[in-house]
């Protein structure tokens, strides 16, 4: 696309081919029983397609294809340079198909197409590029031994990796799981969310075009309680990587325990705190970032800065600045390039967010928002919402709402701020705003989270690990550490004379 206007995107949407069949062993196939479900556009309620509804039989077929591809070495035994070149060709194909992928993401889960095009798709391509270029740079070691012995420690691919990814960043999350798993030499069965299945299927098409052998990447579309459960229980899956809710993460751990004790890597929910001290150097910039931290992707972000803690001396001034910023996030047609806030993923999720907000009105002061917005009949749009004087123990501050809803709580001193920030069952991320480097380091050290962003929000890159502690899960996506979790250590002990 050379023209990026609302009319141009609407025209492109009218001609876009969305794949609706599963991708198994290099071919697009229907579900074994012929089942399908109607996937709707959350911004309009219009039908996008009838998507194949995979179940246990389809998972078994995909796992068998992945196992065969792993055992015969068509991917893992390729020279490292050959594997790198395939993944780099995939990067180029992703970038060449960026408008198509962005449009699929926008139609599928309601995010602004401009954000998908400018952030999600190039971000995913960067992840694929990072692991393509890193796969020949993570080596083994020689352990110290007595004379006459040689102990080699090598990293070996696990085998078949099952990846279950969420609906909020479908293409990004597929990259976070599949890129390191494939770079490490594994074969993969990917189960995208039933709320956003299309970009994973396009990824499979592009991977085949890039030269990835058949059976190495398989995509089974379907529902969590059917396809997801079958993947977690499958006896021939060696590792399960999951991003999603804490409740589902617990269930997947149970499934691993009753099946083959497969490794499980969980990246779960969050209720991240954004702490603004009165010595922050630029309150206007902090307010702009705070709005982005909760309203980006309509708040449907596991690490969203959904709790804002503001030191009492700047509380009122900061709240005024924040309300000004919230006014910039007007719910709009996601295909409008000017949109900064699109639709929620579907009507069911809209109802959940609305329920949280109605309950919060009884315990906190609603400053702005708090209502659905009639952008389009059948659309799932909700206004950016800010509550002030939120009780830290209330569901508003403790539950993951996963929508454009911010809870603001004032604090008096640093110790109280740290206690409030750590007063959550989650431990995924946090942000700190201060002009004092000692305070920045001191508070960062005290926060019990996986990532602390100082004078910014939600900082991440392919070079740095992403993940949490407590109910936010364990293990890490991104960075070279992700290659470690998709491999195992093997010791080869050689005695010689």
Protein backbone atom coordinates (compact mmCIF):
# COMPACT_ATOMS: atom_id res chain seq x y z
CA UNK A 1 0.00 0.00 0.00
CA UNK A 2 1.28 3.42 -0.90
CA UNK A 3 -1.76 5.34 0.32
CA UNK A 4 -2.55 5.18 4.04
CA UNK A 5 -5.88 6.93 4.43
CA UNK A 6 -9.07 5.58 6.00
CA UNK A 7 -10.53 5.09 2.54
CA UNK A 8 -7.44 3.21 1.37
CA UNK A 9 -7.45 0.90 4.38
CA UNK A 10 -11.18 0.25 3.99
CA UNK A 11 -10.63 -0.57 0.34
CA UNK A 12 -7.79 -2.93 1.24
CA UNK A 13 -9.95 -4.57 3.90
CA UNK A 14 -12.59 -5.29 1.29
CA UNK A 15 -10.15 -7.29 -0.83
CA UNK A 16 -8.03 -8.90 1.89
CA UNK A 17 -7.87 -12.69 1.83
CA UNK A 18 -7.84 -13.99 5.39
CA UNK A 19 -6.73 -17.65 5.72
CA UNK A 20 -9.27 -19.74 7.59
CA UNK A 21 -7.75 -23.24 7.40
CA UNK A 22 -5.12 -24.71 9.72
CA UNK A 23 -1.52 -25.18 8.60
CA UNK A 24 -0.22 -28.69 9.25
CA UNK A 25 2.80 -30.36 7.66
CA UNK A 26 3.09 -27.69 5.00
CA UNK A 27 -0.54 -27.66 3.88
CA UNK A 28 -3.70 -25.73 4.66
CA UNK A 29 -6.25 -28.19 6.04
CA UNK A 30 -9.72 -28.16 7.53
CA UNK A 31 -10.44 -29.60 10.96
CA UNK A 32 -10.70 -33.39 11.01
CA UNK A 33 -14.39 -33.17 11.93
CA UNK A 34 -15.05 -30.21 9.64
CA UNK A 35 -15.88 -27.87 12.54
CA UNK A 36 -15.44 -24.10 12.21
CA UNK A 37 -16.46 -20.96 14.03
CA UNK A 38 -17.52 -17.50 12.91
CA UNK A 39 -14.80 -14.91 13.55
CA UNK A 40 -16.22 -11.39 13.81
CA UNK A 41 -14.64 -7.96 13.47
CA UNK A 42 -14.77 -6.40 16.97
CA UNK A 43 -15.02 -2.89 15.53
CA UNK A 44 -18.10 -3.58 13.40
CA UNK A 45 -19.47 -7.00 14.27
CA UNK A 46 -19.09 -8.07 10.62
CA UNK A 47 -18.11 -11.62 9.74
CA UNK A 48 -14.43 -12.00 8.84
CA UNK A 49 -14.50 -15.70 8.07
CA UNK A 50 -15.36 -19.23 9.18
CA UNK A 51 -12.16 -20.45 10.84
CA UNK A 52 -11.27 -24.13 11.19
CA UNK A 53 -11.97 -25.28 14.76
CA UNK A 54 -9.17 -27.68 15.57
CA UNK A 55 -9.50 -30.27 18.30
CA UNK A 56 -7.54 -33.15 19.80
CA UNK A 57 -7.30 -35.05 16.50
CA UNK A 58 -5.86 -32.01 14.75
CA UNK A 59 -3.37 -31.39 17.55
CA UNK A 60 -2.26 -35.02 17.34
CA UNK A 61 -1.76 -34.66 13.60
CA UNK A 62 0.24 -31.46 14.00
CA UNK A 63 2.40 -32.88 16.80
CA UNK A 64 3.10 -35.99 14.72
CA UNK A 65 4.22 -33.79 11.82
CA UNK A 66 6.43 -31.74 14.14
CA UNK A 67 7.93 -34.88 15.68
CA UNK A 68 8.70 -36.39 12.28
CA UNK A 69 10.37 -33.18 11.12
CA UNK A 70 12.46 -33.07 14.27
CA UNK A 71 13.55 -36.70 14.25
CA UNK A 72 14.64 -36.76 10.60
CA UNK A 73 16.65 -33.58 11.12
CA UNK A 74 15.25 -31.64 8.16
CA UNK A 75 15.54 -28.47 10.26
CA UNK A 76 17.62 -29.09 13.38
CA UNK A 77 20.40 -30.83 11.42
CA UNK A 78 20.68 -28.11 8.80
CA UNK A 79 23.90 -26.09 8.92
CA UNK A 80 23.48 -23.09 11.17
CA UNK A 81 24.08 -20.72 8.28
CA UNK A 82 21.25 -22.37 6.32
CA UNK A 83 18.82 -22.02 9.22
CA UNK A 84 19.88 -18.42 9.71
CA UNK A 85 19.28 -17.63 6.04
CA UNK A 86 15.77 -19.12 6.13
CA UNK A 87 14.83 -17.01 9.13
CA UNK A 88 16.32 -13.89 7.58
CA UNK A 89 14.29 -14.51 4.41
CA UNK A 90 11.25 -14.74 6.65
CA UNK A 91 12.13 -11.33 8.10
CA UNK A 92 12.19 -9.80 4.63
CA UNK A 93 8.86 -11.43 3.75
CA UNK A 94 7.29 -10.11 6.94
CA UNK A 95 8.40 -6.58 6.13
CA UNK A 96 7.27 -6.91 2.51
CA UNK A 97 3.84 -8.06 3.72
CA UNK A 98 3.58 -5.54 6.56
CA UNK A 99 0.41 -3.79 5.32
CA UNK A 100 -1.39 -7.13 4.90
CA UNK A 101 -0.31 -8.32 8.33
CA UNK A 102 -1.21 -5.02 9.99
CA UNK A 103 -4.63 -5.05 8.39
CA UNK A 104 -5.23 -8.62 9.54
CA UNK A 105 -4.25 -7.66 13.10
CA UNK A 106 -6.54 -4.63 13.08
CA UNK A 107 -9.56 -6.45 11.68
CA UNK A 108 -8.98 -9.41 13.95
CA UNK A 109 -8.71 -7.75 17.37
CA UNK A 110 -9.57 -4.09 16.87
CA UNK A 111 -6.21 -2.37 17.30
CA UNK A 112 -5.41 0.79 15.32
CA UNK A 113 -3.97 -0.28 11.99
CA UNK A 114 -1.36 2.48 12.10
CA UNK A 115 0.01 1.07 15.36
CA UNK A 116 0.04 -2.46 13.97
CA UNK A 117 1.90 -1.22 10.89
CA UNK A 118 4.32 1.04 12.73
CA UNK A 119 4.95 -0.97 15.91
CA UNK A 120 3.70 -4.56 15.95
CA UNK A 121 4.85 -5.84 12.58
CA UNK A 122 8.33 -4.24 12.54
CA UNK A 123 8.72 -5.24 16.18
CA UNK A 124 8.01 -8.87 15.36
CA UNK A 125 10.39 -8.72 12.39
CA UNK A 126 13.10 -7.40 14.72
CA UNK A 127 12.59 -10.39 17.01
CA UNK A 128 12.89 -12.85 14.12
CA UNK A 129 16.03 -11.05 12.94
CA UNK A 130 17.57 -11.11 16.42
CA UNK A 131 17.22 -14.88 16.77
CA UNK A 132 18.27 -15.54 13.18
CA UNK A 133 21.50 -13.69 13.88
CA UNK A 134 21.94 -15.16 17.38
CA UNK A 135 21.46 -18.87 16.67
CA UNK A 136 25.17 -19.48 15.95
CA UNK A 137 26.41 -17.36 18.83
CA UNK A 138 25.25 -19.35 21.85
CA UNK A 139 27.78 -22.07 22.51
CA UNK A 140 28.51 -24.74 25.09
CA UNK A 141 31.35 -25.08 27.53
CA UNK A 142 34.15 -27.34 28.66
CA UNK A 143 33.82 -28.16 32.34
CA UNK A 144 36.90 -28.52 34.55
CA UNK A 145 37.90 -32.17 35.09
CA UNK A 146 40.81 -34.22 36.33
CA UNK A 147 43.57 -35.20 33.93
CA UNK A 148 42.56 -37.84 31.43
CA UNK A 149 38.97 -36.63 31.25
CA UNK A 150 37.12 -34.18 29.01
CA UNK A 151 33.63 -32.97 29.88
CA UNK A 152 31.76 -31.20 27.08
CA UNK A 153 28.54 -29.35 27.92
CA UNK A 154 26.35 -28.64 24.90
CA UNK A 155 22.92 -27.15 24.35
CA UNK A 156 20.52 -29.40 22.47
CA UNK A 157 17.05 -28.56 21.07
CA UNK A 158 14.21 -29.92 23.18
CA UNK A 159 12.20 -31.42 20.32
CA UNK A 160 8.56 -30.44 19.83
CA UNK A 161 7.55 -27.09 21.31
CA UNK A 162 3.89 -26.23 21.83
CA UNK A 163 3.25 -22.48 21.80
CA UNK A 164 -0.05 -20.99 22.98
CA UNK A 165 -0.22 -17.24 22.40
CA UNK A 166 -2.76 -14.56 23.38
CA UNK A 167 -4.99 -12.32 21.33
CA UNK A 168 -3.69 -8.89 22.32
CA UNK A 169 -0.47 -8.95 20.25
CA UNK A 170 -0.99 -12.01 18.06
CA UNK A 171 1.85 -11.57 15.59
CA UNK A 172 4.32 -10.25 18.15
CA UNK A 173 3.66 -13.06 20.62
CA UNK A 174 3.99 -15.69 17.89
CA UNK A 175 7.43 -14.22 17.14
CA UNK A 176 8.40 -14.19 20.83
CA UNK A 177 7.71 -17.93 21.10
CA UNK A 178 8.42 -19.33 17.65
CA UNK A 179 11.56 -17.39 16.71
CA UNK A 180 13.77 -18.61 19.58
CA UNK A 181 12.23 -22.09 19.50
CA UNK A 182 13.00 -22.49 15.80
CA UNK A 183 16.40 -20.82 16.10
CA UNK A 184 17.32 -23.39 18.73
CA UNK A 185 16.47 -26.18 16.27
CA UNK A 186 13.06 -27.27 17.55
CA UNK A 187 9.86 -27.95 15.65
CA UNK A 188 6.75 -26.03 16.73
CA UNK A 189 2.98 -26.41 17.02
CA UNK A 190 1.49 -22.93 17.42
CA UNK A 191 -2.03 -22.44 18.82
CA UNK A 192 -3.16 -18.81 18.40
CA UNK A 193 -6.09 -17.45 20.35
CA UNK A 194 -9.51 -18.04 18.85
CA UNK A 195 -9.99 -14.28 19.21
CA UNK A 196 -7.15 -13.49 16.78
CA UNK A 197 -6.15 -16.44 14.57
CA UNK A 198 -5.33 -14.87 11.21
CA UNK A 199 -1.80 -13.48 11.49
CA UNK A 200 -0.46 -16.82 12.77
CA UNK A 201 -1.76 -18.49 9.62
CA UNK A 202 -0.20 -15.80 7.44
CA UNK A 203 3.06 -16.34 9.33
CA UNK A 204 2.97 -20.04 8.44
CA UNK A 205 2.46 -19.20 4.77
CA UNK A 206 5.39 -16.79 4.81
CA UNK A 207 7.62 -19.27 6.65
CA UNK A 208 6.97 -21.89 3.98
CA UNK A 209 7.77 -19.32 1.29
CA UNK A 210 11.00 -18.48 3.13
CA UNK A 211 12.09 -22.11 2.92
CA UNK A 212 11.14 -23.52 6.32
CA UNK A 213 10.68 -27.28 5.77
CA UNK A 214 7.22 -28.80 6.02
CA UNK A 215 6.24 -29.94 9.49
CA UNK A 216 8.63 -27.61 11.31
CA UNK A 217 6.01 -24.91 11.99
CA UNK A 218 2.39 -26.00 12.31
CA UNK A 219 -0.58 -23.81 13.25
CA UNK A 220 -3.74 -25.25 14.77
CA UNK A 221 -6.58 -22.79 15.22
CA UNK A 222 -9.20 -23.52 17.81
CA UNK A 223 -10.42 -22.90 21.34
CA UNK A 224 -8.36 -23.16 24.48
CA UNK A 225 -10.51 -25.79 26.17
CA UNK A 226 -10.25 -27.97 23.07
CA UNK A 227 -7.07 -27.45 21.02
CA UNK A 228 -5.11 -25.77 23.82
CA UNK A 229 -5.96 -28.48 26.32
CA UNK A 230 -5.05 -31.20 23.83
CA UNK A 231 -1.69 -29.58 23.13
CA UNK A 232 -0.90 -29.32 26.84
CA UNK A 233 -1.86 -32.94 27.48
CA UNK A 234 -0.13 -34.38 24.42
CA UNK A 235 2.47 -36.94 25.46
CA UNK A 236 4.81 -36.11 22.58
CA UNK A 237 5.19 -32.37 23.26
CA UNK A 238 8.47 -31.64 25.01
CA UNK A 239 7.86 -28.04 26.04
CA UNK A 240 4.87 -25.71 26.35
CA UNK A 241 5.34 -21.94 26.09
CA UNK A 242 2.32 -19.86 27.09
CA UNK A 243 1.37 -16.22 27.41
CA UNK A 244 -2.05 -15.53 28.88
CA UNK A 245 -4.03 -15.46 32.10
CA UNK A 246 -2.78 -16.69 35.45
CA UNK A 247 -5.80 -18.95 35.78
CA UNK A 248 -5.05 -20.73 32.51
CA UNK A 249 -1.35 -20.93 33.41
CA UNK A 250 -2.22 -22.89 36.55
CA UNK A 251 -4.31 -25.31 34.49
CA UNK A 252 -1.52 -25.85 31.97
CA UNK A 253 0.86 -26.72 34.80
CA UNK A 254 -1.62 -29.36 35.94
CA UNK A 255 -1.92 -30.77 32.43
CA UNK A 256 1.86 -31.04 32.17
CA UNK A 257 1.96 -32.89 35.47
CA UNK A 258 -0.62 -35.50 34.50
CA UNK A 259 0.84 -36.05 31.02
CA UNK A 260 4.57 -36.35 30.34
CA UNK A 261 6.03 -33.73 32.72
CA UNK A 262 6.79 -31.46 29.77
CA UNK A 263 8.55 -28.22 30.54
CA UNK A 264 6.14 -25.29 30.89
CA UNK A 265 7.16 -21.65 30.48
CA UNK A 266 4.56 -19.16 31.64
CA UNK A 267 4.22 -15.42 31.03
CA UNK A 268 1.03 -14.45 32.81
CA UNK A 269 -0.91 -11.45 34.05
CA UNK A 270 0.15 -8.17 35.58
CA UNK A 271 -1.02 -5.13 37.49
CA UNK A 272 1.96 -2.89 36.95
CA UNK A 273 2.58 0.20 39.04
CA UNK A 274 3.75 3.52 37.62
CA UNK A 275 5.34 5.60 40.40
CA UNK A 276 5.65 9.37 39.95
CA UNK A 277 7.76 11.15 42.58
CA UNK A 278 7.58 14.88 43.19
CA UNK A 279 11.18 15.25 41.95
CA UNK A 280 10.34 13.99 38.46
CA UNK A 281 12.03 16.41 36.06
CA UNK A 282 9.22 16.66 33.49
CA UNK A 283 5.70 16.04 34.76
CA UNK A 284 4.17 16.71 31.36
CA UNK A 285 6.32 14.00 29.77
CA UNK A 286 5.50 11.66 32.64
CA UNK A 287 1.77 12.28 32.16
CA UNK A 288 2.05 11.63 28.43
CA UNK A 289 3.88 8.37 29.14
CA UNK A 290 1.40 7.38 31.83
CA UNK A 291 -1.47 7.76 29.36
CA UNK A 292 0.40 5.68 26.80
CA UNK A 293 1.18 3.08 29.45
CA UNK A 294 -2.49 2.37 30.10
CA UNK A 295 -4.33 3.36 26.92
CA UNK A 296 -1.99 1.84 24.31
CA UNK A 297 -3.73 -1.14 22.69
CA UNK A 298 -6.81 -0.13 24.70
CA UNK A 299 -5.09 -1.28 27.88
CA UNK A 300 -5.04 -4.86 26.61
CA UNK A 301 -1.41 -5.33 27.63
CA UNK A 302 -0.18 -7.70 30.34
CA UNK A 303 2.40 -5.14 31.48
CA UNK A 304 0.07 -2.13 31.19
CA UNK A 305 0.78 0.53 33.83
CA UNK A 306 -2.72 0.18 35.27
CA UNK A 307 -1.87 1.48 38.76
CA UNK A 308 -0.60 5.06 38.96
CA UNK A 309 1.00 6.07 42.26
CA UNK A 310 1.60 9.83 42.52
CA UNK A 311 3.36 11.64 45.35
CA UNK A 312 0.88 13.84 47.12
CA UNK A 313 2.68 17.12 46.46
CA UNK A 314 2.18 16.83 42.69
CA UNK A 315 -0.94 14.69 42.73
CA UNK A 316 -3.50 17.31 41.66
CA UNK A 317 -1.27 18.91 39.04
CA UNK A 318 -0.34 15.54 37.59
CA UNK A 319 -3.96 14.40 37.46
CA UNK A 320 -4.90 17.50 35.47
CA UNK A 321 -2.10 16.79 32.99
CA UNK A 322 -3.19 13.17 32.75
CA UNK A 323 -6.81 14.05 31.96
CA UNK A 324 -5.56 16.29 29.15
CA UNK A 325 -3.61 13.35 27.75
CA UNK A 326 -6.57 10.96 28.06
CA UNK A 327 -8.61 13.29 25.85
CA UNK A 328 -6.21 12.44 22.99
CA UNK A 329 -7.30 8.78 23.14
CA UNK A 330 -10.68 9.05 21.48
CA UNK A 331 -12.12 5.64 20.46
CA UNK A 332 -12.17 5.57 16.66
CA UNK A 333 -12.46 3.28 13.68
CA UNK A 334 -9.23 1.22 13.91
CA UNK A 335 -8.71 1.63 10.16
CA UNK A 336 -8.45 5.40 10.54
CA UNK A 337 -4.71 6.25 10.57
CA UNK A 338 -5.48 8.95 13.15
CA UNK A 339 -6.84 6.42 15.66
CA UNK A 340 -4.94 6.06 18.92
CA UNK A 341 -7.61 3.95 20.62
CA UNK A 342 -9.43 1.21 18.73
CA UNK A 343 -11.90 -1.42 19.81
CA UNK A 344 -11.64 -3.99 22.56
CA UNK A 345 -11.22 -7.52 21.28
CA UNK A 346 -14.90 -8.51 21.39
CA UNK A 347 -18.25 -7.89 23.04
CA UNK A 348 -17.65 -10.40 25.82
CA UNK A 349 -14.46 -8.65 26.89
CA UNK A 350 -16.21 -5.27 26.65
CA UNK A 351 -18.84 -6.55 29.09
CA UNK A 352 -16.13 -7.70 31.52
CA UNK A 353 -14.37 -4.32 31.43
CA UNK A 354 -17.67 -2.50 31.88
CA UNK A 355 -18.46 -4.71 34.89
CA UNK A 356 -15.14 -3.86 36.54
CA UNK A 357 -15.74 -0.16 35.95
CA UNK A 358 -19.28 -0.18 37.36
CA UNK A 359 -18.02 -1.90 40.51
CA UNK A 360 -15.15 0.58 40.83
CA UNK A 361 -17.56 3.53 40.78
CA UNK A 362 -18.69 2.47 44.24
CA UNK A 363 -15.23 2.77 45.82
CA UNK A 364 -13.24 5.34 43.83
CA UNK A 365 -13.83 8.73 42.22
CA UNK A 366 -14.42 8.56 38.49
CA UNK A 367 -12.47 11.37 36.84
CA UNK A 368 -13.14 10.69 33.16
CA UNK A 369 -14.57 8.02 30.92
CA UNK A 370 -16.28 4.98 32.37
CA UNK A 371 -18.63 4.26 29.50
CA UNK A 372 -18.99 2.55 26.16
CA UNK A 373 -18.66 4.68 23.03
CA UNK A 374 -20.96 4.18 19.99
CA UNK A 375 -18.31 4.42 17.27
CA UNK A 376 -20.01 1.78 15.13
CA UNK A 377 -23.08 -0.44 15.66
CA UNK A 378 -21.84 -3.80 16.90
CA UNK A 379 -18.44 -2.38 17.85
CA UNK A 380 -16.72 -2.99 21.21
CA UNK A 381 -15.49 0.51 22.09
CA UNK A 382 -14.81 1.85 25.59
CA UNK A 383 -13.72 5.32 26.66
CA UNK A 384 -10.34 5.90 28.33
CA UNK A 385 -11.14 5.79 32.02
CA UNK A 386 -9.40 7.25 35.07
CA UNK A 387 -10.30 6.71 38.72
CA UNK A 388 -8.73 8.77 41.49
CA UNK A 389 -8.31 8.03 45.21
CA UNK A 390 -8.40 4.32 44.46
CA UNK A 391 -8.21 2.02 47.47
CA UNK A 392 -5.05 -0.10 47.04
CA UNK A 393 -6.88 -3.15 48.41
CA UNK A 394 -9.87 -2.82 46.07
CA UNK A 395 -10.45 -5.00 43.00
CA UNK A 396 -9.75 -1.90 40.90
CA UNK A 397 -6.15 -1.98 42.13
CA UNK A 398 -5.74 -5.72 42.52
CA UNK A 399 -7.52 -7.35 39.57
CA UNK A 400 -6.21 -7.35 36.02
CA UNK A 401 -8.96 -5.51 34.12
CA UNK A 402 -7.17 -5.62 30.76
CA UNK A 403 -8.83 -2.52 29.42
CA UNK A 404 -8.28 1.27 29.22
CA UNK A 405 -8.87 1.73 32.95
CA UNK A 406 -6.42 3.50 35.26
CA UNK A 407 -6.44 3.54 39.07
CA UNK A 408 -4.71 6.55 40.67
CA UNK A 409 -3.56 6.48 44.30
CA UNK A 410 -1.61 9.26 46.07
CA UNK A 411 1.29 8.45 48.41
CA UNK A 412 3.41 10.42 50.87
CA UNK A 413 6.93 9.00 50.82
CA UNK A 414 9.22 6.54 49.10
CA UNK A 415 8.65 3.70 51.53
CA UNK A 416 4.88 3.93 51.05
CA UNK A 417 5.27 4.01 47.26
CA UNK A 418 7.37 0.83 47.27
CA UNK A 419 4.95 -0.91 49.62
CA UNK A 420 1.97 0.02 47.44
CA UNK A 421 3.76 -1.06 44.25
CA UNK A 422 4.73 -4.41 45.74
CA UNK A 423 1.27 -4.89 47.26
CA UNK A 424 0.03 -7.06 44.40
CA UNK A 425 0.01 -10.77 43.65
CA UNK A 426 1.58 -9.91 40.29
CA UNK A 427 5.19 -9.01 39.59
CA UNK A 428 5.60 -8.29 35.91
CA UNK A 429 6.68 -4.67 35.47
CA UNK A 430 6.82 -1.20 37.00
CA UNK A 431 7.83 2.33 36.07
CA UNK A 432 9.57 4.99 38.17
CA UNK A 433 9.72 8.74 37.47
CA UNK A 434 12.36 10.70 39.35
CA UNK A 435 15.24 13.08 38.70
CA UNK A 436 17.29 11.53 41.51
CA UNK A 437 19.57 8.74 40.31
CA UNK A 438 20.00 7.39 43.84
CA UNK A 439 16.26 7.13 44.28
CA UNK A 440 15.88 5.55 40.83
CA UNK A 441 18.38 2.83 41.68
CA UNK A 442 17.12 2.37 45.23
CA UNK A 443 13.48 2.00 44.23
CA UNK A 444 14.28 -0.18 41.21
CA UNK A 445 16.14 -2.55 43.50
CA UNK A 446 13.24 -2.65 45.97
CA UNK A 447 10.51 -3.39 43.41
CA UNK A 448 9.58 -7.07 43.06
CA UNK A 449 9.04 -7.22 39.31
CA UNK A 450 10.72 -8.54 36.18
CA UNK A 451 11.26 -5.16 34.48
CA UNK A 452 11.62 -1.66 35.92
CA UNK A 453 11.42 1.25 33.48
CA UNK A 454 12.93 4.48 34.80
CA UNK A 455 11.63 7.75 33.31
CA UNK A 456 9.82 5.77 30.61
CA UNK A 457 7.15 3.08 30.51
CA UNK A 458 7.14 -0.56 29.49
CA UNK A 459 10.66 -0.60 28.07
CA UNK A 460 11.62 -3.75 26.16
CA UNK A 461 13.76 -4.93 23.26
CA UNK A 462 14.82 -8.24 21.71
CA UNK A 463 18.09 -7.87 23.61
CA UNK A 464 16.53 -7.84 27.11
CA UNK A 465 14.52 -10.55 28.89
CA UNK A 466 10.81 -10.03 29.51
CA UNK A 467 8.82 -11.82 32.19
CA UNK A 468 7.85 -11.66 35.82
CA UNK A 469 7.64 -13.28 39.22
CA UNK A 470 4.83 -14.27 41.58
CA UNK A 471 1.50 -14.68 39.76
CA UNK A 472 3.01 -13.17 36.62
CA UNK A 473 4.74 -16.47 35.93
CA UNK A 474 8.35 -17.46 35.39
CA UNK A 475 10.78 -17.95 32.55
CA UNK A 476 11.67 -15.20 30.13
CA UNK A 477 10.76 -14.22 26.60
CA UNK A 478 13.21 -12.28 24.41
CA UNK A 479 17.01 -12.03 24.80
CA UNK A 480 19.48 -14.88 24.54
CA UNK A 481 17.90 -16.38 27.65
CA UNK A 482 14.93 -17.49 25.55
CA UNK A 483 17.24 -19.70 23.51
CA UNK A 484 18.23 -21.37 26.76
CA UNK A 485 14.66 -22.26 27.70
CA UNK A 486 14.09 -23.97 24.34
CA UNK A 487 17.12 -26.20 24.78
CA UNK A 488 18.55 -28.57 27.35
CA UNK A 489 22.05 -29.14 28.67
CA UNK A 490 23.85 -32.33 27.71
CA UNK A 491 27.11 -33.46 29.26
CA UNK A 492 29.38 -35.68 27.15
CA UNK A 493 32.10 -37.12 29.37
CA UNK A 494 35.13 -38.55 27.56
CA UNK A 495 37.81 -40.51 29.39
CA UNK A 496 41.08 -40.85 27.52
CA UNK A 497 44.59 -42.04 28.14
